[in-house]
Protein backbone atom coordinates (compact mmCIF):
# COMPACT_ATOMS: atom_id res chain seq x y z
CA MET A 1 202.52 192.55 303.41
CA SER A 2 200.33 190.21 301.58
CA THR A 3 201.71 187.16 300.56
CA ALA A 4 201.88 187.22 297.07
CA THR A 5 204.24 190.63 297.35
CA GLY A 6 206.25 188.42 299.65
CA ALA A 7 206.29 185.35 297.11
CA THR A 8 207.08 188.22 294.64
CA ALA A 9 210.02 189.50 296.84
CA ARG A 10 211.36 186.35 297.26
CA ARG A 11 211.05 184.97 293.82
CA HIS A 12 213.11 188.26 293.47
CA ARG A 13 215.84 187.91 296.08
CA THR A 14 216.89 184.03 295.11
CA ALA A 15 216.84 185.16 291.19
CA GLU A 16 219.21 188.21 292.09
CA ALA A 17 221.29 185.47 293.77
CA ASP A 18 221.16 182.92 291.40
CA ASN A 19 222.57 185.97 288.89
CA LEU A 20 224.99 186.28 291.77
CA ALA A 21 226.16 183.17 291.70
CA VAL A 22 226.40 183.34 288.01
CA ALA A 23 228.59 186.28 288.20
CA SER A 24 231.19 184.67 290.51
CA PHE A 25 231.36 181.63 288.64
CA LEU A 26 232.42 183.95 285.08
CA LEU A 27 234.43 186.16 286.81
CA GLY A 28 236.20 183.43 289.00
CA LEU A 29 237.34 181.34 285.77
CA PRO A 30 239.47 184.43 283.74
CA GLY A 31 240.51 185.03 287.01
CA LEU A 32 243.15 181.95 287.18
CA LEU A 33 245.13 183.69 284.44
CA LEU A 34 244.06 187.34 284.49
CA PHE A 35 244.01 190.05 286.93
CA ASN A 36 243.58 187.59 289.68
CA ILE A 37 244.18 189.75 292.32
CA VAL A 38 241.02 191.96 291.24
CA LEU A 39 238.67 189.05 289.67
CA GLY A 40 240.02 186.75 292.94
CA PRO A 41 237.96 188.73 295.74
CA LEU A 42 235.53 189.83 293.26
CA ALA A 43 234.06 186.24 292.50
CA ILE A 44 234.49 185.31 296.32
CA THR A 45 232.53 188.13 297.47
CA LEU A 46 229.93 187.05 294.91
CA ALA A 47 229.81 183.33 296.01
CA THR A 48 229.81 184.18 299.18
CA LEU A 49 226.48 186.88 298.92
CA SER A 50 224.64 184.61 296.61
CA LEU A 51 225.00 181.63 299.30
CA VAL A 52 224.05 183.85 301.60
CA ARG A 53 220.93 184.93 299.95
CA GLY A 54 220.32 181.30 299.46
CA THR A 55 220.62 180.61 295.89
CA ARG A 56 219.50 177.65 293.72
CA ARG A 57 222.18 177.19 291.63
CA ARG A 58 224.75 176.57 294.79
CA GLY A 59 227.05 174.23 292.63
CA ARG A 60 227.89 177.49 290.36
CA ALA A 61 228.05 179.81 293.56
CA VAL A 62 230.39 177.08 294.81
CA LEU A 63 232.34 176.69 291.95
CA GLY A 64 233.22 180.63 291.62
CA LEU A 65 234.17 180.63 295.29
CA ALA A 66 236.68 177.61 294.81
CA LEU A 67 237.86 179.16 291.42
CA GLY A 68 238.40 182.52 293.48
CA ILE A 69 240.42 180.88 296.10
CA ALA A 70 242.58 179.18 293.51
CA GLY A 71 242.96 182.16 291.80
CA LEU A 72 244.35 183.70 294.57
CA VAL A 73 246.62 180.70 295.49
CA VAL A 74 247.85 181.13 291.78
CA LEU A 75 248.71 184.70 292.55
CA ALA A 76 250.51 183.84 295.84
CA VAL A 77 252.65 181.54 294.56
CA THR A 78 253.86 182.95 290.91
CA THR A 79 254.40 186.03 293.51
CA VAL A 80 256.75 184.00 295.62
CA ALA A 81 258.14 182.05 293.15
CA GLY A 82 259.07 185.24 290.90
CA HIS A 83 260.88 186.35 294.12
CA GLY A 84 258.19 189.26 294.81
CA VAL A 85 257.74 190.10 291.12
CA LEU A 86 254.33 190.01 289.20
CA TRP A 87 255.32 190.86 286.17
CA GLN A 88 259.03 190.82 284.03
CA ILE A 89 259.40 192.29 280.59
CA GLY A 90 262.73 191.28 278.69
CA ASP A 91 265.48 189.96 280.99
């Protein structure tokens, strides 16, 4: 593998990790209130992948990770507070 090919592959991998960091943030933000059982773990997974792959947008990845965890905490608290009922329609 030549150095130009190696540099291109490294740049591509970093750009992909940056995109994963942004995606984790964008999924973690609405995951605080909506569909947190799905969006929380997705944000955590994407943030972890982007950090492992060496993103340049480390702050966004960490924020996506924190938002994903916070979404799952909100889900757990509301489930416990509602005595195990996730949604209740009417009285």
